[in-house]
Amino acid sequence: MEQFNYALLVPIIGMLGGFFIAIIAIIMGVLEKQKYYETVKRLIESGKSAQEIKELLGEQDQDKTPAKYLNRGIILIGVAVGLVLFAFFVETKVLTGAGLLIGVIGISFLIIYFLQRKLKET
């Protein structure tokens, strides 16, 4: 009788774990928006004006600021540096390429941030 290779379970569980985390994040986002819209509906039924509702709840998507691009860019560049350093110690070229790709995406987010900031000034 052959032994079961438990080493195969590690990548399978890792992929399924990432998949389930993504699904849970999507479901939580939908539930959060649903609560927001229910609250708006109740406020409208109670006779509040649009301006009062906006003052009470604030903006739903406050992620429209240029600062989000700065945050994403800095995080991606940090991840890229970590991957490239890890690839240097493990001596693999695949992680170096992935790190450089993520770094370029991070730099592009920084470029978007600076361009939007410049456009707001003019």
PDB file of N, CA and C in Angstrom:
ATOM      1  N   MET A   1       0.838  -1.183   0.000  1.00  0.00           N
ATOM      2  CA  MET A   1       0.000   0.000   0.000  1.00  0.00           C
ATOM      3  C   MET A   1       0.883   1.246   0.000  1.00  0.00           C
ATOM      4  N   GLU A   2       0.536   2.183  -0.846  1.00  0.00           N
ATOM      5  CA  GLU A   2       1.329   3.398  -1.000  1.00  0.00           C
ATOM      6  C   GLU A   2       0.961   4.430   0.058  1.00  0.00           C
ATOM      7  N   GLN A   3       1.950   5.188   0.495  1.00  0.00           N
ATOM      8  CA  GLN A   3       1.688   6.243   1.469  1.00  0.00           C
ATOM      9  C   GLN A   3       1.131   7.466   0.761  1.00  0.00           C
ATOM     10  N   PHE A   4       0.250   8.168   1.461  1.00  0.00           N
ATOM     11  CA  PHE A   4      -0.308   9.400   0.906  1.00  0.00           C
ATOM     12  C   PHE A   4       0.710  10.521   1.065  1.00  0.00           C
ATOM     13  N   ASN A   5       0.899  11.291   0.025  1.00  0.00           N
ATOM     14  CA  ASN A   5       1.872  12.387   0.040  1.00  0.00           C
ATOM     15  C   ASN A   5       1.190  13.648   0.579  1.00  0.00           C
ATOM     16  N   TYR A   6       1.432  13.947   1.849  1.00  0.00           N
ATOM     17  CA  TYR A   6       0.818  15.103   2.487  1.00  0.00           C
ATOM     18  C   TYR A   6       1.379  16.420   1.969  1.00  0.00           C
ATOM     19  N   ALA A   7       2.515  16.373   1.308  1.00  0.00           N
ATOM     20  CA  ALA A   7       3.103  17.602   0.773  1.00  0.00           C
ATOM     21  C   ALA A   7       2.223  18.214  -0.311  1.00  0.00           C
ATOM     22  N   LEU A   8       1.403  17.401  -0.946  1.00  0.00           N
ATOM     23  CA  LEU A   8       0.498  17.931  -1.971  1.00  0.00           C
ATOM     24  C   LEU A   8      -0.651  18.730  -1.359  1.00  0.00           C
ATOM     25  N   LEU A   9      -0.957  18.483  -0.098  1.00  0.00           N
ATOM     26  CA  LEU A   9      -2.054  19.198   0.544  1.00  0.00           C
ATOM     27  C   LEU A   9      -1.732  20.665   0.801  1.00  0.00           C
ATOM     28  N   VAL A  10      -0.464  20.990   0.983  1.00  0.00           N
ATOM     29  CA  VAL A  10      -0.087  22.359   1.313  1.00  0.00           C
ATOM     30  C   VAL A  10      -0.491  23.340   0.214  1.00  0.00           C
ATOM     31  N   PRO A  11      -0.103  23.138  -1.054  1.00  0.00           N
ATOM     32  CA  PRO A  11      -0.532  24.114  -2.069  1.00  0.00           C
ATOM     33  C   PRO A  11      -2.033  24.094  -2.324  1.00  0.00           C
ATOM     34  N   ILE A  12      -2.643  22.916  -2.198  1.00  0.00           N
ATOM     35  CA  ILE A  12      -4.087  22.839  -2.419  1.00  0.00           C
ATOM     36  C   ILE A  12      -4.832  23.638  -1.351  1.00  0.00           C
ATOM     37  N   ILE A  13      -4.463  23.443  -0.100  1.00  0.00           N
ATOM     38  CA  ILE A  13      -5.104  24.185   0.988  1.00  0.00           C
ATOM     39  C   ILE A  13      -4.795  25.675   0.868  1.00  0.00           C
ATOM     40  N   GLY A  14      -3.580  26.008   0.454  1.00  0.00           N
ATOM     41  CA  GLY A  14      -3.224  27.418   0.270  1.00  0.00           C
ATOM     42  C   GLY A  14      -4.075  28.089  -0.794  1.00  0.00           C
ATOM     43  N   MET A  15      -4.281  27.406  -1.923  1.00  0.00           N
ATOM     44  CA  MET A  15      -5.101  27.981  -2.993  1.00  0.00           C
ATOM     45  C   MET A  15      -6.563  28.081  -2.578  1.00  0.00           C
ATOM     46  N   LEU A  16      -7.073  27.017  -1.950  1.00  0.00           N
ATOM     47  CA  LEU A  16      -8.465  27.052  -1.506  1.00  0.00           C
ATOM     48  C   LEU A  16      -8.672  28.108  -0.424  1.00  0.00           C
ATOM     49  N   GLY A  17      -7.679  28.261   0.463  1.00  0.00           N
ATOM     50  CA  GLY A  17      -7.776  29.290   1.498  1.00  0.00           C
ATOM     51  C   GLY A  17      -7.856  30.686   0.897  1.00  0.00           C
ATOM     52  N   GLY A  18      -7.010  30.962  -0.084  1.00  0.00           N
ATOM     53  CA  GLY A  18      -7.056  32.264  -0.759  1.00  0.00           C
ATOM     54  C   GLY A  18      -8.378  32.485  -1.468  1.00  0.00           C
ATOM     55  N   PHE A  19      -8.891  31.436  -2.091  1.00  0.00           N
ATOM     56  CA  PHE A  19     -10.175  31.526  -2.778  1.00  0.00           C
ATOM     57  C   PHE A  19     -11.291  31.840  -1.791  1.00  0.00           C
ATOM     58  N   PHE A  20     -11.310  31.125  -0.665  1.00  0.00           N
ATOM     59  CA  PHE A  20     -12.361  31.349   0.323  1.00  0.00           C
ATOM     60  C   PHE A  20     -12.247  32.725   0.977  1.00  0.00           C
ATOM     61  N   ILE A  21     -11.043  33.213   1.179  1.00  0.00           N
ATOM     62  CA  ILE A  21     -10.872  34.556   1.740  1.00  0.00           C
ATOM     63  C   ILE A  21     -11.434  35.602   0.775  1.00  0.00           C
ATOM     64  N   ALA A  22     -11.183  35.419  -0.520  1.00  0.00           N
ATOM     65  CA  ALA A  22     -11.721  36.351  -1.516  1.00  0.00           C
ATOM     66  C   ALA A  22     -13.245  36.313  -1.533  1.00  0.00           C
ATOM     67  N   ILE A  23     -13.812  35.134  -1.480  1.00  0.00           N
ATOM     68  CA  ILE A  23     -15.276  35.000  -1.472  1.00  0.00           C
ATOM     69  C   ILE A  23     -15.864  35.663  -0.226  1.00  0.00           C
ATOM     70  N   ILE A  24     -15.243  35.455   0.923  1.00  0.00           N
ATOM     71  CA  ILE A  24     -15.733  36.060   2.161  1.00  0.00           C
ATOM     72  C   ILE A  24     -15.645  37.582   2.092  1.00  0.00           C
ATOM     73  N   ALA A  25     -14.554  38.108   1.502  1.00  0.00           N
ATOM     74  CA  ALA A  25     -14.413  39.557   1.373  1.00  0.00           C
ATOM     75  C   ALA A  25     -15.502  40.135   0.473  1.00  0.00           C
ATOM     76  N   ILE A  26     -15.816  39.443  -0.602  1.00  0.00           N
ATOM     77  CA  ILE A  26     -16.872  39.914  -1.509  1.00  0.00           C
ATOM     78  C   ILE A  26     -18.227  39.898  -0.801  1.00  0.00           C
ATOM     79  N   ILE A  27     -18.501  38.820  -0.088  1.00  0.00           N
ATOM     80  CA  ILE A  27     -19.777  38.720   0.630  1.00  0.00           C
ATOM     81  C   ILE A  27     -19.886  39.809   1.691  1.00  0.00           C
ATOM     82  N   MET A  28     -18.804  40.065   2.425  1.00  0.00           N
ATOM     83  CA  MET A  28     -18.829  41.113   3.455  1.00  0.00           C
ATOM     84  C   MET A  28     -19.053  42.489   2.825  1.00  0.00           C
ATOM     85  N   GLY A  29     -18.453  42.742   1.673  1.00  0.00           N
ATOM     86  CA  GLY A  29     -18.673  44.015   0.981  1.00  0.00           C
ATOM     87  C   GLY A  29     -20.119  44.194   0.560  1.00  0.00           C
ATOM     88  N   VAL A  30     -20.718  43.119   0.049  1.00  0.00           N
ATOM     89  CA  VAL A  30     -22.121  43.178  -0.361  1.00  0.00           C
ATOM     90  C   VAL A  30     -23.019  43.423   0.848  1.00  0.00           C
ATOM     91  N   LEU A  31     -22.751  42.726   1.946  1.00  0.00           N
ATOM     92  CA  LEU A  31     -23.567  42.918   3.150  1.00  0.00           C
ATOM     93  C   LEU A  31     -23.427  44.325   3.711  1.00  0.00           C
ATOM     94  N   GLU A  32     -22.221  44.883   3.643  1.00  0.00           N
ATOM     95  CA  GLU A  32     -22.001  46.247   4.130  1.00  0.00           C
ATOM     96  C   GLU A  32     -22.777  47.261   3.287  1.00  0.00           C
ATOM     97  N   LYS A  33     -22.740  47.081   1.965  1.00  0.00           N
ATOM     98  CA  LYS A  33     -23.502  47.989   1.097  1.00  0.00           C
ATOM     99  C   LYS A  33     -24.995  47.832   1.319  1.00  0.00           C
ATOM    100  N   GLN A  34     -25.416  46.593   1.549  1.00  0.00           N
ATOM    101  CA  GLN A  34     -26.835  46.350   1.797  1.00  0.00           C
ATOM    102  C   GLN A  34     -27.293  47.061   3.067  1.00  0.00           C
ATOM    103  N   LYS A  35     -26.496  47.026   4.123  1.00  0.00           N
ATOM    104  CA  LYS A  35     -26.836  47.739   5.363  1.00  0.00           C
ATOM    105  C   LYS A  35     -26.888  49.249   5.120  1.00  0.00           C
ATOM    106  N   TYR A  36     -25.941  49.753   4.331  1.00  0.00           N
ATOM    107  CA  TYR A  36     -25.900  51.186   4.032  1.00  0.00           C
ATOM    108  C   TYR A  36     -27.187  51.603   3.303  1.00  0.00           C
ATOM    109  N   TYR A  37     -27.584  50.829   2.293  1.00  0.00           N
ATOM    110  CA  TYR A  37     -28.775  51.183   1.527  1.00  0.00           C
ATOM    111  C   TYR A  37     -30.047  51.044   2.358  1.00  0.00           C
ATOM    112  N   GLU A  38     -30.078  50.074   3.257  1.00  0.00           N
ATOM    113  CA  GLU A  38     -31.227  49.953   4.160  1.00  0.00           C
ATOM    114  C   GLU A  38     -31.315  51.169   5.079  1.00  0.00           C
ATOM    115  N   THR A  39     -30.173  51.637   5.563  1.00  0.00           N
ATOM    116  CA  THR A  39     -30.155  52.817   6.426  1.00  0.00           C
ATOM    117  C   THR A  39     -30.633  54.045   5.656  1.00  0.00           C
ATOM    118  N   VAL A  40     -30.164  54.189   4.428  1.00  0.00           N
ATOM    119  CA  VAL A  40     -30.605  55.323   3.595  1.00  0.00           C
ATOM    120  C   VAL A  40     -32.104  55.233   3.351  1.00  0.00           C
ATOM    121  N   LYS A  41     -32.591  54.030   3.090  1.00  0.00           N
ATOM    122  CA  LYS A  41     -34.027  53.846   2.838  1.00  0.00           C
ATOM    123  C   LYS A  41     -34.853  54.251   4.061  1.00  0.00           C
ATOM    124  N   ARG A  42     -34.389  53.842   5.255  1.00  0.00           N
ATOM    125  CA  ARG A  42     -35.107  54.205   6.484  1.00  0.00           C
ATOM    126  C   ARG A  42     -35.077  55.713   6.719  1.00  0.00           C
ATOM    127  N   LEU A  43     -33.933  56.344   6.434  1.00  0.00           N
ATOM    128  CA  LEU A  43     -33.832  57.793   6.616  1.00  0.00           C
ATOM    129  C   LEU A  43     -34.743  58.536   5.642  1.00  0.00           C
ATOM    130  N   ILE A  44     -34.842  58.042   4.420  1.00  0.00           N
ATOM    131  CA  ILE A  44     -35.738  58.668   3.439  1.00  0.00           C
ATOM    132  C   ILE A  44     -37.192  58.519   3.886  1.00  0.00           C
ATOM    133  N   GLU A  45     -37.527  57.322   4.382  1.00  0.00           N
ATOM    134  CA  GLU A  45     -38.897  57.097   4.856  1.00  0.00           C
ATOM    135  C   GLU A  45     -39.235  57.957   6.065  1.00  0.00           C
ATOM    136  N   SER A  46     -38.209  58.309   6.860  1.00  0.00           N
ATOM    137  CA  SER A  46     -38.466  59.152   8.030  1.00  0.00           C
ATOM    138  C   SER A  46     -38.536  60.633   7.666  1.00  0.00           C
ATOM    139  N   GLY A  47     -38.323  60.966   6.391  1.00  0.00           N
ATOM    140  CA  GLY A  47     -38.498  62.334   5.943  1.00  0.00           C
ATOM    141  C   GLY A  47     -37.235  63.174   5.891  1.00  0.00           C
ATOM    142  N   LYS A  48     -36.084  62.564   5.984  1.00  0.00           N
ATOM    143  CA  LYS A  48     -34.818  63.308   5.908  1.00  0.00           C
ATOM    144  C   LYS A  48     -34.537  63.703   4.463  1.00  0.00           C
ATOM    145  N   SER A  49     -33.921  64.872   4.308  1.00  0.00           N
ATOM    146  CA  SER A  49     -33.550  65.322   2.966  1.00  0.00           C
ATOM    147  C   SER A  49     -32.223  64.677   2.563  1.00  0.00           C
ATOM    148  N   ALA A  50     -31.908  64.799   1.292  1.00  0.00           N
ATOM    149  CA  ALA A  50     -30.667  64.209   0.781  1.00  0.00           C
ATOM    150  C   ALA A  50     -29.448  64.826   1.457  1.00  0.00           C
ATOM    151  N   GLN A  51     -29.499  66.128   1.703  1.00  0.00           N
ATOM    152  CA  GLN A  51     -28.381  66.807   2.356  1.00  0.00           C
ATOM    153  C   GLN A  51     -28.203  66.321   3.789  1.00  0.00           C
ATOM    154  N   GLU A  52     -29.305  66.134   4.506  1.00  0.00           N
ATOM    155  CA  GLU A  52     -29.226  65.634   5.879  1.00  0.00           C
ATOM    156  C   GLU A  52     -28.677  64.207   5.921  1.00  0.00           C
ATOM    157  N   ILE A  53     -29.110  63.389   4.981  1.00  0.00           N
ATOM    158  CA  ILE A  53     -28.615  62.011   4.916  1.00  0.00           C
ATOM    159  C   ILE A  53     -27.120  62.000   4.634  1.00  0.00           C
ATOM    160  N   LYS A  54     -26.699  62.868   3.720  1.00  0.00           N
ATOM    161  CA  LYS A  54     -25.269  62.936   3.389  1.00  0.00           C
ATOM    162  C   LYS A  54     -24.449  63.389   4.589  1.00  0.00           C
ATOM    163  N   GLU A  55     -24.983  64.319   5.359  1.00  0.00           N
ATOM    164  CA  GLU A  55     -24.277  64.789   6.553  1.00  0.00           C
ATOM    165  C   GLU A  55     -24.224  63.700   7.633  1.00  0.00           C
ATOM    166  N   LEU A  56     -25.313  62.938   7.763  1.00  0.00           N
ATOM    167  CA  LEU A  56     -25.355  61.892   8.781  1.00  0.00           C
ATOM    168  C   LEU A  56     -24.436  60.716   8.450  1.00  0.00           C
ATOM    169  N   LEU A  57     -24.477  60.274   7.217  1.00  0.00           N
ATOM    170  CA  LEU A  57     -23.749  59.070   6.837  1.00  0.00           C
ATOM    171  C   LEU A  57     -22.394  59.346   6.197  1.00  0.00           C
ATOM    172  N   GLY A  58     -22.204  60.525   5.688  1.00  0.00           N
ATOM    173  CA  GLY A  58     -20.966  60.807   4.969  1.00  0.00           C
ATOM    174  C   GLY A  58     -20.992  60.145   3.602  1.00  0.00           C
ATOM    175  N   GLU A  59     -19.884  60.198   2.928  1.00  0.00           N
ATOM    176  CA  GLU A  59     -19.775  59.569   1.610  1.00  0.00           C
ATOM    177  C   GLU A  59     -19.612  58.072   1.791  1.00  0.00           C
ATOM    178  N   GLN A  60     -20.294  57.296   0.935  1.00  0.00           N
ATOM    179  CA  GLN A  60     -20.155  55.849   1.034  1.00  0.00           C
ATOM    180  C   GLN A  60     -18.797  55.410   0.509  1.00  0.00           C
ATOM    181  N   ASP A  61     -18.420  55.893  -0.641  1.00  0.00           N
ATOM    182  CA  ASP A  61     -17.134  55.537  -1.228  1.00  0.00           C
ATOM    183  C   ASP A  61     -16.161  56.683  -1.020  1.00  0.00           C
ATOM    184  N   GLN A  62     -15.471  56.676   0.109  1.00  0.00           N
ATOM    185  CA  GLN A  62     -14.476  57.699   0.352  1.00  0.00           C
ATOM    186  C   GLN A  62     -13.142  57.298  -0.256  1.00  0.00           C
ATOM    187  N   ASP A  63     -13.153  56.209  -1.027  1.00  0.00           N
ATOM    188  CA  ASP A  63     -11.929  55.694  -1.630  1.00  0.00           C
ATOM    189  C   ASP A  63     -11.685  56.348  -2.992  1.00  0.00           C
ATOM    190  N   LYS A  64     -12.306  57.507  -3.251  1.00  0.00           N
ATOM    191  CA  LYS A  64     -12.134  58.184  -4.521  1.00  0.00           C
ATOM    192  C   LYS A  64     -11.071  59.274  -4.450  1.00  0.00           C
ATOM    193  N   THR A  65     -10.360  59.340  -3.376  1.00  0.00           N
ATOM    194  CA  THR A  65      -9.332  60.357  -3.212  1.00  0.00           C
ATOM    195  C   THR A  65      -8.032  59.895  -3.853  1.00  0.00           C
ATOM    196  N   PRO A  66      -7.186  60.842  -4.261  1.00  0.00           N
ATOM    197  CA  PRO A  66      -5.899  60.449  -4.836  1.00  0.00           C
ATOM    198  C   PRO A  66      -4.996  59.739  -3.834  1.00  0.00           C
ATOM    199  N   ALA A  67      -5.256  59.908  -2.539  1.00  0.00           N
ATOM    200  CA  ALA A  67      -4.416  59.266  -1.522  1.00  0.00           C
ATOM    201  C   ALA A  67      -4.489  57.746  -1.600  1.00  0.00           C
ATOM    202  N   LYS A  68      -5.588  57.203  -2.135  1.00  0.00           N
ATOM    203  CA  LYS A  68      -5.677  55.749  -2.258  1.00  0.00           C
ATOM    204  C   LYS A  68      -4.601  55.227  -3.198  1.00  0.00           C
ATOM    205  N   TYR A  69      -4.268  55.997  -4.228  1.00  0.00           N
ATOM    206  CA  TYR A  69      -3.216  55.578  -5.155  1.00  0.00           C
ATOM    207  C   TYR A  69      -1.849  55.631  -4.492  1.00  0.00           C
ATOM    208  N   LEU A  70      -1.651  56.617  -3.627  1.00  0.00           N
ATOM    209  CA  LEU A  70      -0.399  56.698  -2.888  1.00  0.00           C
ATOM    210  C   LEU A  70      -0.259  55.494  -1.966  1.00  0.00           C
ATOM    211  N   ASN A  71      -1.320  55.178  -1.241  1.00  0.00           N
ATOM    212  CA  ASN A  71      -1.289  54.019  -0.338  1.00  0.00           C
ATOM    213  C   ASN A  71      -1.015  52.730  -1.094  1.00  0.00           C
ATOM    214  N   ARG A  72      -1.734  52.511  -2.182  1.00  0.00           N
ATOM    215  CA  ARG A  72      -1.546  51.285  -2.961  1.00  0.00           C
ATOM    216  C   ARG A  72      -0.146  51.210  -3.553  1.00  0.00           C
ATOM    217  N   GLY A  73       0.339  52.336  -4.044  1.00  0.00           N
ATOM    218  CA  GLY A  73       1.678  52.354  -4.635  1.00  0.00           C
ATOM    219  C   GLY A  73       2.757  52.013  -3.623  1.00  0.00           C
ATOM    220  N   ILE A  74       2.671  52.603  -2.444  1.00  0.00           N
ATOM    221  CA  ILE A  74       3.683  52.342  -1.417  1.00  0.00           C
ATOM    222  C   ILE A  74       3.615  50.883  -0.957  1.00  0.00           C
ATOM    223  N   ILE A  75       2.415  50.358  -0.785  1.00  0.00           N
ATOM    224  CA  ILE A  75       2.274  48.966  -0.363  1.00  0.00           C
ATOM    225  C   ILE A  75       2.832  48.023  -1.421  1.00  0.00           C
ATOM    226  N   LEU A  76       2.500  48.264  -2.687  1.00  0.00           N
ATOM    227  CA  LEU A  76       2.984  47.378  -3.748  1.00  0.00           C
ATOM    228  C   LEU A  76       4.499  47.455  -3.907  1.00  0.00           C
ATOM    229  N   ILE A  77       5.060  48.634  -3.761  1.00  0.00           N
ATOM    230  CA  ILE A  77       6.520  48.748  -3.851  1.00  0.00           C
ATOM    231  C   ILE A  77       7.174  48.017  -2.678  1.00  0.00           C
ATOM    232  N   GLY A  78       6.586  48.099  -1.500  1.00  0.00           N
ATOM    233  CA  GLY A  78       7.108  47.358  -0.346  1.00  0.00           C
ATOM    234  C   GLY A  78       7.049  45.856  -0.563  1.00  0.00           C
ATOM    235  N   VAL A  79       5.935  45.377  -1.114  1.00  0.00           N
ATOM    236  CA  VAL A  79       5.816  43.943  -1.411  1.00  0.00           C
ATOM    237  C   VAL A  79       6.849  43.535  -2.458  1.00  0.00           C
ATOM    238  N   ALA A  80       7.046  44.395  -3.446  1.00  0.00           N
ATOM    239  CA  ALA A  80       8.017  44.090  -4.500  1.00  0.00           C
ATOM    240  C   ALA A  80       9.431  43.989  -3.942  1.00  0.00           C
ATOM    241  N   VAL A  81       9.785  44.924  -3.089  1.00  0.00           N
ATOM    242  CA  VAL A  81      11.121  44.885  -2.491  1.00  0.00           C
ATOM    243  C   VAL A  81      11.291  43.607  -1.672  1.00  0.00           C
ATOM    244  N   GLY A  82      10.253  43.240  -0.931  1.00  0.00           N
ATOM    245  CA  GLY A  82      10.308  42.007  -0.149  1.00  0.00           C
ATOM    246  C   GLY A  82      10.477  40.779  -1.028  1.00  0.00           C
ATOM    247  N   LEU A  83       9.737  40.726  -2.136  1.00  0.00           N
ATOM    248  CA  LEU A  83       9.862  39.587  -3.046  1.00  0.00           C
ATOM    249  C   LEU A  83      11.243  39.515  -3.682  1.00  0.00           C
ATOM    250  N   VAL A  84      11.764  40.653  -4.100  1.00  0.00           N
ATOM    251  CA  VAL A  84      13.084  40.651  -4.733  1.00  0.00           C
ATOM    252  C   VAL A  84      14.156  40.246  -3.726  1.00  0.00           C
ATOM    253  N   LEU A  85      14.067  40.730  -2.501  1.00  0.00           N
ATOM    254  CA  LEU A  85      15.033  40.321  -1.472  1.00  0.00           C
ATOM    255  C   LEU A  85      14.913  38.838  -1.160  1.00  0.00           C
ATOM    256  N   PHE A  86      13.693  38.361  -1.075  1.00  0.00           N
ATOM    257  CA  PHE A  86      13.491  36.937  -0.830  1.00  0.00           C
ATOM    258  C   PHE A  86      14.048  36.110  -1.987  1.00  0.00           C
ATOM    259  N   ALA A  87      13.810  36.562  -3.203  1.00  0.00           N
ATOM    260  CA  ALA A  87      14.331  35.855  -4.380  1.00  0.00           C
ATOM    261  C   ALA A  87      15.849  35.866  -4.396  1.00  0.00           C
ATOM    262  N   PHE A  88      16.450  36.937  -3.905  1.00  0.00           N
ATOM    263  CA  PHE A  88      17.906  37.015  -3.841  1.00  0.00           C
ATOM    264  C   PHE A  88      18.463  35.948  -2.902  1.00  0.00           C
ATOM    265  N   PHE A  89      17.808  35.764  -1.755  1.00  0.00           N
ATOM    266  CA  PHE A  89      18.299  34.782  -0.794  1.00  0.00           C
ATOM    267  C   PHE A  89      17.993  33.346  -1.204  1.00  0.00           C
ATOM    268  N   VAL A  90      16.872  33.138  -1.884  1.00  0.00           N
ATOM    269  CA  VAL A  90      16.499  31.793  -2.317  1.00  0.00           C
ATOM    270  C   VAL A  90      17.154  31.452  -3.653  1.00  0.00           C
ATOM    271  N   GLU A  91      17.627  32.453  -4.331  1.00  0.00           N
ATOM    272  CA  GLU A  91      18.284  32.332  -5.635  1.00  0.00           C
ATOM    273  C   GLU A  91      17.336  31.763  -6.695  1.00  0.00           C
ATOM    274  N   THR A  92      16.240  32.475  -6.906  1.00  0.00           N
ATOM    275  CA  THR A  92      15.294  32.105  -7.949  1.00  0.00           C
ATOM    276  C   THR A  92      14.969  33.337  -8.788  1.00  0.00           C
ATOM    277  N   LYS A  93      14.792  33.118 -10.063  1.00  0.00           N
ATOM    278  CA  LYS A  93      14.509  34.236 -10.965  1.00  0.00           C
ATOM    279  C   LYS A  93      13.016  34.501 -11.097  1.00  0.00           C
ATOM    280  N   VAL A  94      12.215  33.504 -10.790  1.00  0.00           N
ATOM    281  CA  VAL A  94      10.764  33.674 -10.928  1.00  0.00           C
ATOM    282  C   VAL A  94      10.256  34.737  -9.957  1.00  0.00           C
ATOM    283  N   LEU A  95      10.691  34.659  -8.707  1.00  0.00           N
ATOM    284  CA  LEU A  95      10.252  35.650  -7.724  1.00  0.00           C
ATOM    285  C   LEU A  95      10.811  37.033  -8.028  1.00  0.00           C
ATOM    286  N   THR A  96      11.997  37.078  -8.614  1.00  0.00           N
ATOM    287  CA  THR A  96      12.562  38.376  -9.003  1.00  0.00           C
ATOM    288  C   THR A  96      11.670  39.031 -10.053  1.00  0.00           C
ATOM    289  N   GLY A  97      11.260  38.243 -11.042  1.00  0.00           N
ATOM    290  CA  GLY A  97      10.368  38.775 -12.084  1.00  0.00           C
ATOM    291  C   GLY A  97       9.037  39.213 -11.526  1.00  0.00           C
ATOM    292  N   ALA A  98       8.477  38.411 -10.633  1.00  0.00           N
ATOM    293  CA  ALA A  98       7.193  38.773 -10.019  1.00  0.00           C
ATOM    294  C   ALA A  98       7.336  40.036  -9.180  1.00  0.00           C
ATOM    295  N   GLY A  99       8.442  40.139  -8.444  1.00  0.00           N
ATOM    296  CA  GLY A  99       8.679  41.328  -7.627  1.00  0.00           C
ATOM    297  C   GLY A  99       8.836  42.574  -8.476  1.00  0.00           C
ATOM    298  N   LEU A 100       9.551  42.440  -9.588  1.00  0.00           N
ATOM    299  CA  LEU A 100       9.721  43.594 -10.472  1.00  0.00           C
ATOM    300  C   LEU A 100       8.395  44.013 -11.105  1.00  0.00           C
ATOM    301  N   LEU A 101       7.575  43.033 -11.482  1.00  0.00           N
ATOM    302  CA  LEU A 101       6.259  43.349 -12.050  1.00  0.00           C
ATOM    303  C   LEU A 101       5.394  44.091 -11.032  1.00  0.00           C
ATOM    304  N   ILE A 102       5.360  43.595  -9.808  1.00  0.00           N
ATOM    305  CA  ILE A 102       4.577  44.257  -8.757  1.00  0.00           C
ATOM    306  C   ILE A 102       5.142  45.648  -8.469  1.00  0.00           C
ATOM    307  N   GLY A 103       6.462  45.783  -8.513  1.00  0.00           N
ATOM    308  CA  GLY A 103       7.084  47.088  -8.306  1.00  0.00           C
ATOM    309  C   GLY A 103       6.692  48.094  -9.375  1.00  0.00           C
ATOM    310  N   VAL A 104       6.631  47.652 -10.625  1.00  0.00           N
ATOM    311  CA  VAL A 104       6.230  48.547 -11.716  1.00  0.00           C
ATOM    312  C   VAL A 104       4.769  48.971 -11.543  1.00  0.00           C
ATOM    313  N   ILE A 105       3.926  48.050 -11.109  1.00  0.00           N
ATOM    314  CA  ILE A 105       2.527  48.408 -10.849  1.00  0.00           C
ATOM    315  C   ILE A 105       2.450  49.438  -9.720  1.00  0.00           C
ATOM    316  N   GLY A 106       3.263  49.259  -8.677  1.00  0.00           N
ATOM    317  CA  GLY A 106       3.303  50.220  -7.574  1.00  0.00           C
ATOM    318  C   GLY A 106       3.773  51.592  -8.033  1.00  0.00           C
ATOM    319  N   ILE A 107       4.786  51.608  -8.889  1.00  0.00           N
ATOM    320  CA  ILE A 107       5.285  52.883  -9.424  1.00  0.00           C
ATOM    321  C   ILE A 107       4.210  53.554 -10.266  1.00  0.00           C
ATOM    322  N   SER A 108       3.448  52.763 -11.023  1.00  0.00           N
ATOM    323  CA  SER A 108       2.383  53.365 -11.834  1.00  0.00           C
ATOM    324  C   SER A 108       1.291  53.970 -10.951  1.00  0.00           C
ATOM    325  N   PHE A 109       0.999  53.343  -9.799  1.00  0.00           N
ATOM    326  CA  PHE A 109       0.051  53.954  -8.865  1.00  0.00           C
ATOM    327  C   PHE A 109       0.592  55.273  -8.325  1.00  0.00           C
ATOM    328  N   LEU A 110       1.884  55.335  -8.052  1.00  0.00           N
ATOM    329  CA  LEU A 110       2.477  56.596  -7.586  1.00  0.00           C
ATOM    330  C   LEU A 110       2.393  57.668  -8.669  1.00  0.00           C
ATOM    331  N   ILE A 111       2.606  57.282  -9.914  1.00  0.00           N
ATOM    332  CA  ILE A 111       2.499  58.244 -11.025  1.00  0.00           C
ATOM    333  C   ILE A 111       1.074  58.771 -11.118  1.00  0.00           C
ATOM    334  N   ILE A 112       0.086  57.884 -10.992  1.00  0.00           N
ATOM    335  CA  ILE A 112      -1.319  58.313 -11.020  1.00  0.00           C
ATOM    336  C   ILE A 112      -1.591  59.292  -9.883  1.00  0.00           C
ATOM    337  N   TYR A 113      -1.060  58.999  -8.697  1.00  0.00           N
ATOM    338  CA  TYR A 113      -1.256  59.884  -7.548  1.00  0.00           C
ATOM    339  C   TYR A 113      -0.707  61.281  -7.840  1.00  0.00           C
ATOM    340  N   PHE A 114       0.529  61.346  -8.335  1.00  0.00           N
ATOM    341  CA  PHE A 114       1.136  62.658  -8.581  1.00  0.00           C
ATOM    342  C   PHE A 114       0.423  63.397  -9.709  1.00  0.00           C
ATOM    343  N   LEU A 115      -0.041  62.682 -10.731  1.00  0.00           N
ATOM    344  CA  LEU A 115      -0.773  63.340 -11.811  1.00  0.00           C
ATOM    345  C   LEU A 115      -2.123  63.881 -11.317  1.00  0.00           C
ATOM    346  N   GLN A 116      -2.826  63.113 -10.507  1.00  0.00           N
ATOM    347  CA  GLN A 116      -4.113  63.596  -9.992  1.00  0.00           C
ATOM    348  C   GLN A 116      -3.930  64.773  -9.051  1.00  0.00           C
ATOM    349  N   ARG A 117      -2.884  64.728  -8.253  1.00  0.00           N
ATOM    350  CA  ARG A 117      -2.614  65.846  -7.342  1.00  0.00           C
ATOM    351  C   ARG A 117      -2.298  67.108  -8.133  1.00  0.00           C
ATOM    352  N   LYS A 118      -1.539  66.948  -9.221  1.00  0.00           N
ATOM    353  CA  LYS A 118      -1.195  68.106 -10.062  1.00  0.00           C
ATOM    354  C   LYS A 118      -2.442  68.638 -10.757  1.00  0.00           C
ATOM    355  N   LEU A 119      -3.335  67.755 -11.195  1.00  0.00           N
ATOM    356  CA  LEU A 119      -4.565  68.194 -11.856  1.00  0.00           C
ATOM    357  C   LEU A 119      -5.486  68.940 -10.881  1.00  0.00           C
ATOM    358  N   LYS A 120      -5.509  68.528  -9.625  1.00  0.00           N
ATOM    359  CA  LYS A 120      -6.333  69.226  -8.631  1.00  0.00           C
ATOM    360  C   LYS A 120      -5.807  70.629  -8.354  1.00  0.00           C
ATOM    361  N   GLU A 121      -4.500  70.819  -8.455  1.00  0.00           N
ATOM    362  CA  GLU A 121      -3.902  72.133  -8.191  1.00  0.00           C
ATOM    363  C   GLU A 121      -4.225  73.129  -9.295  1.00  0.00           C
ATOM    364  N   THR A 122      -4.429  72.633 -10.525  1.00  0.00           N
ATOM    365  CA  THR A 122      -4.694  73.545 -11.637  1.00  0.00           C
ATOM    366  C   THR A 122      -6.161  73.791 -11.822  1.00  0.00           C
TER     367      THR A 122
END
